[in-house]
Structures are given as C-alpha cells and as structure tokens.
Amino acid sequence: MVENGQACGGEDEDERRDFQWGVGPGFDYEFDEKTMGVLNYLMRSSEEESNHNLNILEMGMTRELVPGQHIKAAVDMGLDGAGETPNLGAKLQWSFEFK
C-alpha cells in the first residue's frame, strides 16, 4: 500500500532498487556421510538505490536425519559494519524431499 508517494514502511518507493543481485564463492566440507559444513561469502546489492553493496559471511552445517530429511543451521555475520548489513543472524531449517 502506498500513501502520498511513500510505502507503508516509511520507505520512499522511488529509493527501492528495481533489480537486486547477489554473488559469492562457497565451500563445502563433508565430515561424514550424513554431515556437511558450509562456508559462504556473499556480496549482494542493497535494497535501496545509492547504498553500497552488502558483504556477508555465512557458516553452517547440514545433517541428514533419515533419507530425504535434513536439518540445517547457519549463522550470518556482516563484514562491513554498514547500517543496512545485518550484524548477526541465525537460521534453523528442516527440509524434506519427495521422490
């Protein structure tokens, strides 16, 4: 919803970036058949025009519980100290696949 040219979150709709992107290398290490560690660096565009890119480091692990089901945990850390870059974040996911 937009009122008086501003989005409801207080953000100016004209400032929001139309095209967003992200790129970065990642490394996986298999500890055993069911456990894998990951380390990823991500550089992505900011959500608003004229702000600099965000630099984020992600570290995590994934573990197969039973065939087709995994639990995943990760921590994201901002590397550049900018206001828009998250300082610290955590994720916990459970995934399952159908065959």
PDB file of N, CA and C in Angstrom:
ATOM      1  N   MET A   1       0.839  -1.166   0.000  1.00  0.00           N
ATOM      2  CA  MET A   1       0.000   0.000   0.000  1.00  0.00           C
ATOM      3  C   MET A   1       0.891   1.238   0.000  1.00  0.00           C
ATOM      4  N   VAL A   2       0.543   2.218  -0.776  1.00  0.00           N
ATOM      5  CA  VAL A   2       1.324   3.447  -0.888  1.00  0.00           C
ATOM      6  C   VAL A   2       0.432   4.638  -0.568  1.00  0.00           C
ATOM      7  N   GLU A   3       0.910   5.510   0.299  1.00  0.00           N
ATOM      8  CA  GLU A   3       0.187   6.727   0.638  1.00  0.00           C
ATOM      9  C   GLU A   3       1.109   7.915   0.439  1.00  0.00           C
ATOM     10  N   ASN A   4       0.655   8.914  -0.298  1.00  0.00           N
ATOM     11  CA  ASN A   4       1.422  10.142  -0.536  1.00  0.00           C
ATOM     12  C   ASN A   4       2.826   9.860  -1.076  1.00  0.00           C
ATOM     13  N   GLY A   5       2.950   8.866  -1.948  1.00  0.00           N
ATOM     14  CA  GLY A   5       4.245   8.572  -2.559  1.00  0.00           C
ATOM     15  C   GLY A   5       5.197   7.786  -1.681  1.00  0.00           C
ATOM     16  N   GLN A   6       4.758   7.342  -0.480  1.00  0.00           N
ATOM     17  CA  GLN A   6       5.631   6.577   0.387  1.00  0.00           C
ATOM     18  C   GLN A   6       5.010   5.224   0.684  1.00  0.00           C
ATOM     19  N   ALA A   7       5.881   4.202   0.745  1.00  0.00           N
ATOM     20  CA  ALA A   7       5.423   2.869   1.108  1.00  0.00           C
ATOM     21  C   ALA A   7       5.051   2.871   2.586  1.00  0.00           C
ATOM     22  N   CYS A   8       4.224   1.907   3.005  1.00  0.00           N
ATOM     23  CA  CYS A   8       3.737   1.881   4.383  1.00  0.00           C
ATOM     24  C   CYS A   8       4.851   1.707   5.410  1.00  0.00           C
ATOM     25  N   GLY A   9       5.989   1.171   5.046  1.00  0.00           N
ATOM     26  CA  GLY A   9       7.089   1.017   5.982  1.00  0.00           C
ATOM     27  C   GLY A   9       7.859   2.299   6.202  1.00  0.00           C
ATOM     28  N   GLY A  10       7.430   3.407   5.579  1.00  0.00           N
ATOM     29  CA  GLY A  10       8.131   4.658   5.727  1.00  0.00           C
ATOM     30  C   GLY A  10       9.216   4.831   4.669  1.00  0.00           C
ATOM     31  N   GLU A  11       9.485   3.791   3.892  1.00  0.00           N
ATOM     32  CA  GLU A  11      10.499   3.875   2.848  1.00  0.00           C
ATOM     33  C   GLU A  11       9.933   4.599   1.636  1.00  0.00           C
ATOM     34  N   ASP A  12      10.729   5.420   1.020  1.00  0.00           N
ATOM     35  CA  ASP A  12      10.330   6.108  -0.196  1.00  0.00           C
ATOM     36  C   ASP A  12      10.386   5.107  -1.337  1.00  0.00           C
ATOM     37  N   GLU A  13       9.276   4.894  -2.007  1.00  0.00           N
ATOM     38  CA  GLU A  13       9.196   3.881  -3.056  1.00  0.00           C
ATOM     39  C   GLU A  13      10.178   4.149  -4.185  1.00  0.00           C
ATOM     40  N   ASP A  14      10.510   5.422  -4.464  1.00  0.00           N
ATOM     41  CA  ASP A  14      11.452   5.757  -5.522  1.00  0.00           C
ATOM     42  C   ASP A  14      12.869   5.319  -5.189  1.00  0.00           C
ATOM     43  N   GLU A  15      13.198   5.137  -3.917  1.00  0.00           N
ATOM     44  CA  GLU A  15      14.541   4.753  -3.489  1.00  0.00           C
ATOM     45  C   GLU A  15      14.789   3.249  -3.622  1.00  0.00           C
ATOM     46  N   ARG A  16      13.738   2.459  -3.687  1.00  0.00           N
ATOM     47  CA  ARG A  16      13.875   0.997  -3.723  1.00  0.00           C
ATOM     48  C   ARG A  16      14.471   0.553  -5.055  1.00  0.00           C
ATOM     49  N   ARG A  17      15.469  -0.325  -4.991  1.00  0.00           N
ATOM     50  CA  ARG A  17      16.167  -0.824  -6.170  1.00  0.00           C
ATOM     51  C   ARG A  17      15.263  -1.808  -6.919  1.00  0.00           C
ATOM     52  N   ASP A  18      15.114  -1.615  -8.239  1.00  0.00           N
ATOM     53  CA  ASP A  18      14.272  -2.492  -9.059  1.00  0.00           C
ATOM     54  C   ASP A  18      14.896  -3.859  -9.260  1.00  0.00           C
ATOM     55  N   PHE A  19      16.189  -3.897  -9.506  1.00  0.00           N
ATOM     56  CA  PHE A  19      16.892  -5.153  -9.774  1.00  0.00           C
ATOM     57  C   PHE A  19      17.887  -5.393  -8.653  1.00  0.00           C
ATOM     58  N   GLN A  20      17.780  -6.548  -7.996  1.00  0.00           N
ATOM     59  CA  GLN A  20      18.713  -6.894  -6.928  1.00  0.00           C
ATOM     60  C   GLN A  20      19.479  -8.145  -7.325  1.00  0.00           C
ATOM     61  N   TRP A  21      20.710  -8.254  -6.872  1.00  0.00           N
ATOM     62  CA  TRP A  21      21.575  -9.366  -7.248  1.00  0.00           C
ATOM     63  C   TRP A  21      22.455  -9.752  -6.057  1.00  0.00           C
ATOM     64  N   GLY A  22      23.046 -10.916  -6.152  1.00  0.00           N
ATOM     65  CA  GLY A  22      23.998 -11.388  -5.153  1.00  0.00           C
ATOM     66  C   GLY A  22      24.910 -12.440  -5.774  1.00  0.00           C
ATOM     67  N   VAL A  23      26.164 -12.468  -5.350  1.00  0.00           N
ATOM     68  CA  VAL A  23      27.133 -13.419  -5.888  1.00  0.00           C
ATOM     69  C   VAL A  23      28.206 -13.674  -4.831  1.00  0.00           C
ATOM     70  N   GLY A  24      28.794 -14.848  -4.864  1.00  0.00           N
ATOM     71  CA  GLY A  24      29.891 -15.135  -3.946  1.00  0.00           C
ATOM     72  C   GLY A  24      30.308 -16.580  -3.966  1.00  0.00           C
ATOM     73  N   PRO A  25      31.548 -16.849  -3.571  1.00  0.00           N
ATOM     74  CA  PRO A  25      32.040 -18.227  -3.522  1.00  0.00           C
ATOM     75  C   PRO A  25      31.586 -18.939  -2.247  1.00  0.00           C
ATOM     76  N   GLY A  26      31.539 -20.243  -2.311  1.00  0.00           N
ATOM     77  CA  GLY A  26      31.177 -21.045  -1.160  1.00  0.00           C
ATOM     78  C   GLY A  26      31.987 -22.327  -1.126  1.00  0.00           C
ATOM     79  N   PHE A  27      32.185 -22.863   0.050  1.00  0.00           N
ATOM     80  CA  PHE A  27      32.951 -24.091   0.230  1.00  0.00           C
ATOM     81  C   PHE A  27      32.144 -25.052   1.091  1.00  0.00           C
ATOM     82  N   ASP A  28      32.176 -26.321   0.729  1.00  0.00           N
ATOM     83  CA  ASP A  28      31.527 -27.379   1.494  1.00  0.00           C
ATOM     84  C   ASP A  28      32.601 -28.356   1.973  1.00  0.00           C
ATOM     85  N   TYR A  29      32.406 -28.923   3.166  1.00  0.00           N
ATOM     86  CA  TYR A  29      33.306 -29.954   3.672  1.00  0.00           C
ATOM     87  C   TYR A  29      32.453 -31.074   4.248  1.00  0.00           C
ATOM     88  N   GLU A  30      32.667 -32.284   3.758  1.00  0.00           N
ATOM     89  CA  GLU A  30      31.906 -33.441   4.221  1.00  0.00           C
ATOM     90  C   GLU A  30      32.630 -34.079   5.399  1.00  0.00           C
ATOM     91  N   PHE A  31      32.027 -33.978   6.595  1.00  0.00           N
ATOM     92  CA  PHE A  31      32.600 -34.571   7.792  1.00  0.00           C
ATOM     93  C   PHE A  31      32.404 -36.083   7.802  1.00  0.00           C
ATOM     94  N   ASP A  32      31.226 -36.520   7.432  1.00  0.00           N
ATOM     95  CA  ASP A  32      30.912 -37.938   7.261  1.00  0.00           C
ATOM     96  C   ASP A  32      29.782 -38.037   6.235  1.00  0.00           C
ATOM     97  N   GLU A  33      29.235 -39.236   6.038  1.00  0.00           N
ATOM     98  CA  GLU A  33      28.215 -39.432   5.009  1.00  0.00           C
ATOM     99  C   GLU A  33      26.956 -38.594   5.232  1.00  0.00           C
ATOM    100  N   LYS A  34      26.687 -38.201   6.474  1.00  0.00           N
ATOM    101  CA  LYS A  34      25.438 -37.502   6.779  1.00  0.00           C
ATOM    102  C   LYS A  34      25.624 -36.060   7.227  1.00  0.00           C
ATOM    103  N   THR A  35      26.848 -35.598   7.421  1.00  0.00           N
ATOM    104  CA  THR A  35      27.091 -34.257   7.953  1.00  0.00           C
ATOM    105  C   THR A  35      28.000 -33.460   7.024  1.00  0.00           C
ATOM    106  N   MET A  36      27.575 -32.234   6.714  1.00  0.00           N
ATOM    107  CA  MET A  36      28.360 -31.363   5.841  1.00  0.00           C
ATOM    108  C   MET A  36      28.436 -29.965   6.453  1.00  0.00           C
ATOM    109  N   GLY A  37      29.615 -29.368   6.418  1.00  0.00           N
ATOM    110  CA  GLY A  37      29.807 -27.986   6.855  1.00  0.00           C
ATOM    111  C   GLY A  37      29.893 -27.081   5.636  1.00  0.00           C
ATOM    112  N   VAL A  38      29.429 -25.847   5.770  1.00  0.00           N
ATOM    113  CA  VAL A  38      29.460 -24.895   4.657  1.00  0.00           C
ATOM    114  C   VAL A  38      30.035 -23.561   5.132  1.00  0.00           C
ATOM    115  N   LEU A  39      30.739 -22.903   4.228  1.00  0.00           N
ATOM    116  CA  LEU A  39      31.270 -21.570   4.455  1.00  0.00           C
ATOM    117  C   LEU A  39      31.052 -20.792   3.167  1.00  0.00           C
ATOM    118  N   ASN A  40      30.270 -19.713   3.235  1.00  0.00           N
ATOM    119  CA  ASN A  40      29.917 -18.935   2.047  1.00  0.00           C
ATOM    120  C   ASN A  40      30.192 -17.458   2.293  1.00  0.00           C
ATOM    121  N   TYR A  41      30.702 -16.796   1.255  1.00  0.00           N
ATOM    122  CA  TYR A  41      30.816 -15.336   1.262  1.00  0.00           C
ATOM    123  C   TYR A  41      29.812 -14.818   0.248  1.00  0.00           C
ATOM    124  N   LEU A  42      29.025 -13.822   0.630  1.00  0.00           N
ATOM    125  CA  LEU A  42      28.010 -13.270  -0.266  1.00  0.00           C
ATOM    126  C   LEU A  42      28.169 -11.761  -0.356  1.00  0.00           C
ATOM    127  N   MET A  43      28.266 -11.261  -1.580  1.00  0.00           N
ATOM    128  CA  MET A  43      28.185  -9.825  -1.825  1.00  0.00           C
ATOM    129  C   MET A  43      26.901  -9.618  -2.605  1.00  0.00           C
ATOM    130  N   ARG A  44      25.997  -8.818  -2.070  1.00  0.00           N
ATOM    131  CA  ARG A  44      24.725  -8.592  -2.736  1.00  0.00           C
ATOM    132  C   ARG A  44      24.394  -7.102  -2.747  1.00  0.00           C
ATOM    133  N   SER A  45      23.491  -6.749  -3.617  1.00  0.00           N
ATOM    134  CA  SER A  45      23.091  -5.350  -3.724  1.00  0.00           C
ATOM    135  C   SER A  45      22.238  -4.961  -2.525  1.00  0.00           C
ATOM    136  N   SER A  46      22.265  -3.680  -2.210  1.00  0.00           N
ATOM    137  CA  SER A  46      21.413  -3.172  -1.145  1.00  0.00           C
ATOM    138  C   SER A  46      19.981  -3.077  -1.676  1.00  0.00           C
ATOM    139  N   GLU A  47      19.029  -2.910  -0.784  1.00  0.00           N
ATOM    140  CA  GLU A  47      17.634  -2.809  -1.206  1.00  0.00           C
ATOM    141  C   GLU A  47      17.290  -1.428  -1.746  1.00  0.00           C
ATOM    142  N   GLU A  48      18.099  -0.429  -1.432  1.00  0.00           N
ATOM    143  CA  GLU A  48      17.806   0.934  -1.867  1.00  0.00           C
ATOM    144  C   GLU A  48      18.896   1.455  -2.784  1.00  0.00           C
ATOM    145  N   GLU A  49      18.490   2.298  -3.728  1.00  0.00           N
ATOM    146  CA  GLU A  49      19.433   2.934  -4.642  1.00  0.00           C
ATOM    147  C   GLU A  49      20.451   3.755  -3.860  1.00  0.00           C
ATOM    148  N   SER A  50      21.636   3.880  -4.377  1.00  0.00           N
ATOM    149  CA  SER A  50      22.738   4.704  -3.875  1.00  0.00           C
ATOM    150  C   SER A  50      23.376   4.179  -2.590  1.00  0.00           C
ATOM    151  N   ASN A  51      22.919   3.064  -2.020  1.00  0.00           N
ATOM    152  CA  ASN A  51      23.606   2.446  -0.886  1.00  0.00           C
ATOM    153  C   ASN A  51      24.623   1.446  -1.415  1.00  0.00           C
ATOM    154  N   HIS A  52      25.672   1.211  -0.633  1.00  0.00           N
ATOM    155  CA  HIS A  52      26.716   0.295  -1.100  1.00  0.00           C
ATOM    156  C   HIS A  52      26.274  -1.161  -0.973  1.00  0.00           C
ATOM    157  N   ASN A  53      27.028  -2.063  -1.579  1.00  0.00           N
ATOM    158  CA  ASN A  53      26.726  -3.497  -1.539  1.00  0.00           C
ATOM    159  C   ASN A  53      26.931  -4.048  -0.132  1.00  0.00           C
ATOM    160  N   LEU A  54      26.242  -5.140   0.169  1.00  0.00           N
ATOM    161  CA  LEU A  54      26.337  -5.786   1.470  1.00  0.00           C
ATOM    162  C   LEU A  54      27.339  -6.936   1.382  1.00  0.00           C
ATOM    163  N   ASN A  55      28.168  -7.108   2.406  1.00  0.00           N
ATOM    164  CA  ASN A  55      29.155  -8.182   2.476  1.00  0.00           C
ATOM    165  C   ASN A  55      28.832  -9.058   3.672  1.00  0.00           C
ATOM    166  N   ILE A  56      28.515 -10.332   3.409  1.00  0.00           N
ATOM    167  CA  ILE A  56      28.024 -11.232   4.452  1.00  0.00           C
ATOM    168  C   ILE A  56      28.797 -12.550   4.416  1.00  0.00           C
ATOM    169  N   LEU A  57      29.167 -13.072   5.589  1.00  0.00           N
ATOM    170  CA  LEU A  57      29.799 -14.380   5.730  1.00  0.00           C
ATOM    171  C   LEU A  57      28.789 -15.317   6.372  1.00  0.00           C
ATOM    172  N   GLU A  58      28.593 -16.490   5.765  1.00  0.00           N
ATOM    173  CA  GLU A  58      27.658 -17.487   6.300  1.00  0.00           C
ATOM    174  C   GLU A  58      28.436 -18.754   6.637  1.00  0.00           C
ATOM    175  N   MET A  59      28.238 -19.257   7.855  1.00  0.00           N
ATOM    176  CA  MET A  59      28.838 -20.520   8.291  1.00  0.00           C
ATOM    177  C   MET A  59      27.713 -21.412   8.794  1.00  0.00           C
ATOM    178  N   GLY A  60      27.751 -22.686   8.404  1.00  0.00           N
ATOM    179  CA  GLY A  60      26.681 -23.561   8.843  1.00  0.00           C
ATOM    180  C   GLY A  60      26.981 -25.027   8.671  1.00  0.00           C
ATOM    181  N   MET A  61      26.001 -25.838   9.041  1.00  0.00           N
ATOM    182  CA  MET A  61      26.099 -27.292   8.922  1.00  0.00           C
ATOM    183  C   MET A  61      24.749 -27.841   8.493  1.00  0.00           C
ATOM    184  N   THR A  62      24.793 -28.981   7.825  1.00  0.00           N
ATOM    185  CA  THR A  62      23.577 -29.712   7.482  1.00  0.00           C
ATOM    186  C   THR A  62      23.780 -31.174   7.870  1.00  0.00           C
ATOM    187  N   ARG A  63      22.727 -31.787   8.366  1.00  0.00           N
ATOM    188  CA  ARG A  63      22.803 -33.176   8.826  1.00  0.00           C
ATOM    189  C   ARG A  63      21.586 -33.925   8.303  1.00  0.00           C
ATOM    190  N   GLU A  64      21.839 -35.083   7.670  1.00  0.00           N
ATOM    191  CA  GLU A  64      20.744 -35.942   7.202  1.00  0.00           C
ATOM    192  C   GLU A  64      20.213 -36.734   8.394  1.00  0.00           C
ATOM    193  N   LEU A  65      18.915 -36.573   8.672  1.00  0.00           N
ATOM    194  CA  LEU A  65      18.293 -37.286   9.786  1.00  0.00           C
ATOM    195  C   LEU A  65      17.899 -38.691   9.372  1.00  0.00           C
ATOM    196  N   VAL A  66      17.130 -38.774   8.305  1.00  0.00           N
ATOM    197  CA  VAL A  66      16.746 -40.031   7.663  1.00  0.00           C
ATOM    198  C   VAL A  66      16.792 -39.749   6.165  1.00  0.00           C
ATOM    199  N   PRO A  67      16.792 -40.749   5.309  1.00  0.00           N
ATOM    200  CA  PRO A  67      16.838 -40.464   3.874  1.00  0.00           C
ATOM    201  C   PRO A  67      15.730 -39.486   3.451  1.00  0.00           C
ATOM    202  N   GLY A  68      16.147 -38.378   2.833  1.00  0.00           N
ATOM    203  CA  GLY A  68      15.196 -37.384   2.354  1.00  0.00           C
ATOM    204  C   GLY A  68      14.844 -36.286   3.339  1.00  0.00           C
ATOM    205  N   GLN A  69      15.382 -36.337   4.574  1.00  0.00           N
ATOM    206  CA  GLN A  69      15.102 -35.294   5.561  1.00  0.00           C
ATOM    207  C   GLN A  69      16.413 -34.770   6.149  1.00  0.00           C
ATOM    208  N   HIS A  70      16.534 -33.440   6.180  1.00  0.00           N
ATOM    209  CA  HIS A  70      17.755 -32.797   6.664  1.00  0.00           C
ATOM    210  C   HIS A  70      17.416 -31.692   7.645  1.00  0.00           C
ATOM    211  N   ILE A  71      18.309 -31.468   8.582  1.00  0.00           N
ATOM    212  CA  ILE A  71      18.228 -30.291   9.442  1.00  0.00           C
ATOM    213  C   ILE A  71      19.444 -29.429   9.102  1.00  0.00           C
ATOM    214  N   LYS A  72      19.204 -28.116   9.013  1.00  0.00           N
ATOM    215  CA  LYS A  72      20.252 -27.188   8.595  1.00  0.00           C
ATOM    216  C   LYS A  72      20.305 -26.036   9.592  1.00  0.00           C
ATOM    217  N   ALA A  73      21.507 -25.634   9.978  1.00  0.00           N
ATOM    218  CA  ALA A  73      21.695 -24.499  10.877  1.00  0.00           C
ATOM    219  C   ALA A  73      22.817 -23.632  10.313  1.00  0.00           C
ATOM    220  N   ALA A  74      22.649 -22.315  10.384  1.00  0.00           N
ATOM    221  CA  ALA A  74      23.666 -21.396   9.868  1.00  0.00           C
ATOM    222  C   ALA A  74      23.652 -20.096  10.652  1.00  0.00           C
ATOM    223  N   VAL A  75      24.788 -19.416  10.626  1.00  0.00           N
ATOM    224  CA  VAL A  75      24.961 -18.102  11.228  1.00  0.00           C
ATOM    225  C   VAL A  75      25.465 -17.163  10.145  1.00  0.00           C
ATOM    226  N   ASP A  76      24.842 -15.996  10.014  1.00  0.00           N
ATOM    227  CA  ASP A  76      25.268 -14.956   9.076  1.00  0.00           C
ATOM    228  C   ASP A  76      25.900 -13.816   9.861  1.00  0.00           C
ATOM    229  N   MET A  77      27.046 -13.323   9.367  1.00  0.00           N
ATOM    230  CA  MET A  77      27.722 -12.203  10.004  1.00  0.00           C
ATOM    231  C   MET A  77      28.016 -11.137   8.964  1.00  0.00           C
ATOM    232  N   GLY A  78      27.673  -9.892   9.278  1.00  0.00           N
ATOM    233  CA  GLY A  78      28.008  -8.777   8.398  1.00  0.00           C
ATOM    234  C   GLY A  78      29.485  -8.457   8.509  1.00  0.00           C
ATOM    235  N   LEU A  79      30.125  -8.189   7.377  1.00  0.00           N
ATOM    236  CA  LEU A  79      31.557  -7.941   7.365  1.00  0.00           C
ATOM    237  C   LEU A  79      31.932  -6.478   7.197  1.00  0.00           C
ATOM    238  N   ASP A  80      30.994  -5.620   6.822  1.00  0.00           N
ATOM    239  CA  ASP A  80      31.369  -4.250   6.503  1.00  0.00           C
ATOM    240  C   ASP A  80      30.895  -3.206   7.520  1.00  0.00           C
ATOM    241  N   GLY A  81      30.087  -3.584   8.501  1.00  0.00           N
ATOM    242  CA  GLY A  81      29.665  -2.658   9.535  1.00  0.00           C
ATOM    243  C   GLY A  81      28.708  -1.561   9.081  1.00  0.00           C
ATOM    244  N   ALA A  82      28.174  -1.672   7.876  1.00  0.00           N
ATOM    245  CA  ALA A  82      27.235  -0.672   7.377  1.00  0.00           C
ATOM    246  C   ALA A  82      25.873  -0.857   8.039  1.00  0.00           C
ATOM    247  N   GLY A  83      25.082   0.203   8.063  1.00  0.00           N
ATOM    248  CA  GLY A  83      23.784   0.163   8.732  1.00  0.00           C
ATOM    249  C   GLY A  83      22.811  -0.828   8.138  1.00  0.00           C
ATOM    250  N   GLU A  84      22.833  -1.016   6.829  1.00  0.00           N
ATOM    251  CA  GLU A  84      21.885  -1.923   6.178  1.00  0.00           C
ATOM    252  C   GLU A  84      22.318  -3.385   6.267  1.00  0.00           C
ATOM    253  N   THR A  85      23.610  -3.641   6.448  1.00  0.00           N
ATOM    254  CA  THR A  85      24.123  -5.007   6.546  1.00  0.00           C
ATOM    255  C   THR A  85      23.768  -5.586   7.908  1.00  0.00           C
ATOM    256  N   PRO A  86      23.200  -6.804   7.944  1.00  0.00           N
ATOM    257  CA  PRO A  86      22.878  -7.398   9.245  1.00  0.00           C
ATOM    258  C   PRO A  86      24.159  -7.690  10.032  1.00  0.00           C
ATOM    259  N   ASN A  87      24.166  -7.382  11.329  1.00  0.00           N
ATOM    260  CA  ASN A  87      25.340  -7.659  12.159  1.00  0.00           C
ATOM    261  C   ASN A  87      25.492  -9.153  12.415  1.00  0.00           C
ATOM    262  N   LEU A  88      24.388  -9.785  12.800  1.00  0.00           N
ATOM    263  CA  LEU A  88      24.410 -11.206  13.130  1.00  0.00           C
ATOM    264  C   LEU A  88      23.013 -11.779  12.914  1.00  0.00           C
ATOM    265  N   GLY A  89      22.953 -12.936  12.324  1.00  0.00           N
ATOM    266  CA  GLY A  89      21.672 -13.597  12.103  1.00  0.00           C
ATOM    267  C   GLY A  89      21.845 -15.099  12.208  1.00  0.00           C
ATOM    268  N   ALA A  90      20.782 -15.808  12.509  1.00  0.00           N
ATOM    269  CA  ALA A  90      20.833 -17.261  12.626  1.00  0.00           C
ATOM    270  C   ALA A  90      19.656 -17.877  11.887  1.00  0.00           C
ATOM    271  N   LYS A  91      19.883 -19.071  11.330  1.00  0.00           N
ATOM    272  CA  LYS A  91      18.835 -19.797  10.605  1.00  0.00           C
ATOM    273  C   LYS A  91      18.813 -21.230  11.095  1.00  0.00           C
ATOM    274  N   LEU A  92      17.624 -21.767  11.216  1.00  0.00           N
ATOM    275  CA  LEU A  92      17.437 -23.183  11.521  1.00  0.00           C
ATOM    276  C   LEU A  92      16.341 -23.675  10.590  1.00  0.00           C
ATOM    277  N   GLN A  93      16.664 -24.670   9.762  1.00  0.00           N
ATOM    278  CA  GLN A  93      15.706 -25.166   8.765  1.00  0.00           C
ATOM    279  C   GLN A  93      15.635 -26.676   8.822  1.00  0.00           C
ATOM    280  N   TRP A  94      14.472 -27.167   8.484  1.00  0.00           N
ATOM    281  CA  TRP A  94      14.254 -28.598   8.320  1.00  0.00           C
ATOM    282  C   TRP A  94      13.729 -28.779   6.902  1.00  0.00           C
ATOM    283  N   SER A  95      14.340 -29.668   6.161  1.00  0.00           N
ATOM    284  CA  SER A  95      13.903 -29.884   4.778  1.00  0.00           C
ATOM    285  C   SER A  95      13.573 -31.355   4.555  1.00  0.00           C
ATOM    286  N   PHE A  96      12.651 -31.576   3.642  1.00  0.00           N
ATOM    287  CA  PHE A  96      12.319 -32.940   3.247  1.00  0.00           C
ATOM    288  C   PHE A  96      12.043 -32.937   1.756  1.00  0.00           C
ATOM    289  N   GLU A  97      12.316 -34.065   1.137  1.00  0.00           N
ATOM    290  CA  GLU A  97      12.125 -34.170  -0.315  1.00  0.00           C
ATOM    291  C   GLU A  97      11.225 -35.369  -0.632  1.00  0.00           C
ATOM    292  N   PHE A  98      10.486 -35.216  -1.692  1.00  0.00           N
ATOM    293  CA  PHE A  98       9.611 -36.291  -2.169  1.00  0.00           C
ATOM    294  C   PHE A  98      10.298 -36.956  -3.349  1.00  0.00           C
ATOM    295  N   LYS A  99      10.238 -38.239  -3.402  1.00  0.00           N
ATOM    296  CA  LYS A  99      10.833 -38.969  -4.523  1.00  0.00           C
ATOM    297  C   LYS A  99       9.802 -39.773  -5.234  1.00  0.00           C
TER     298      LYS A  99
END
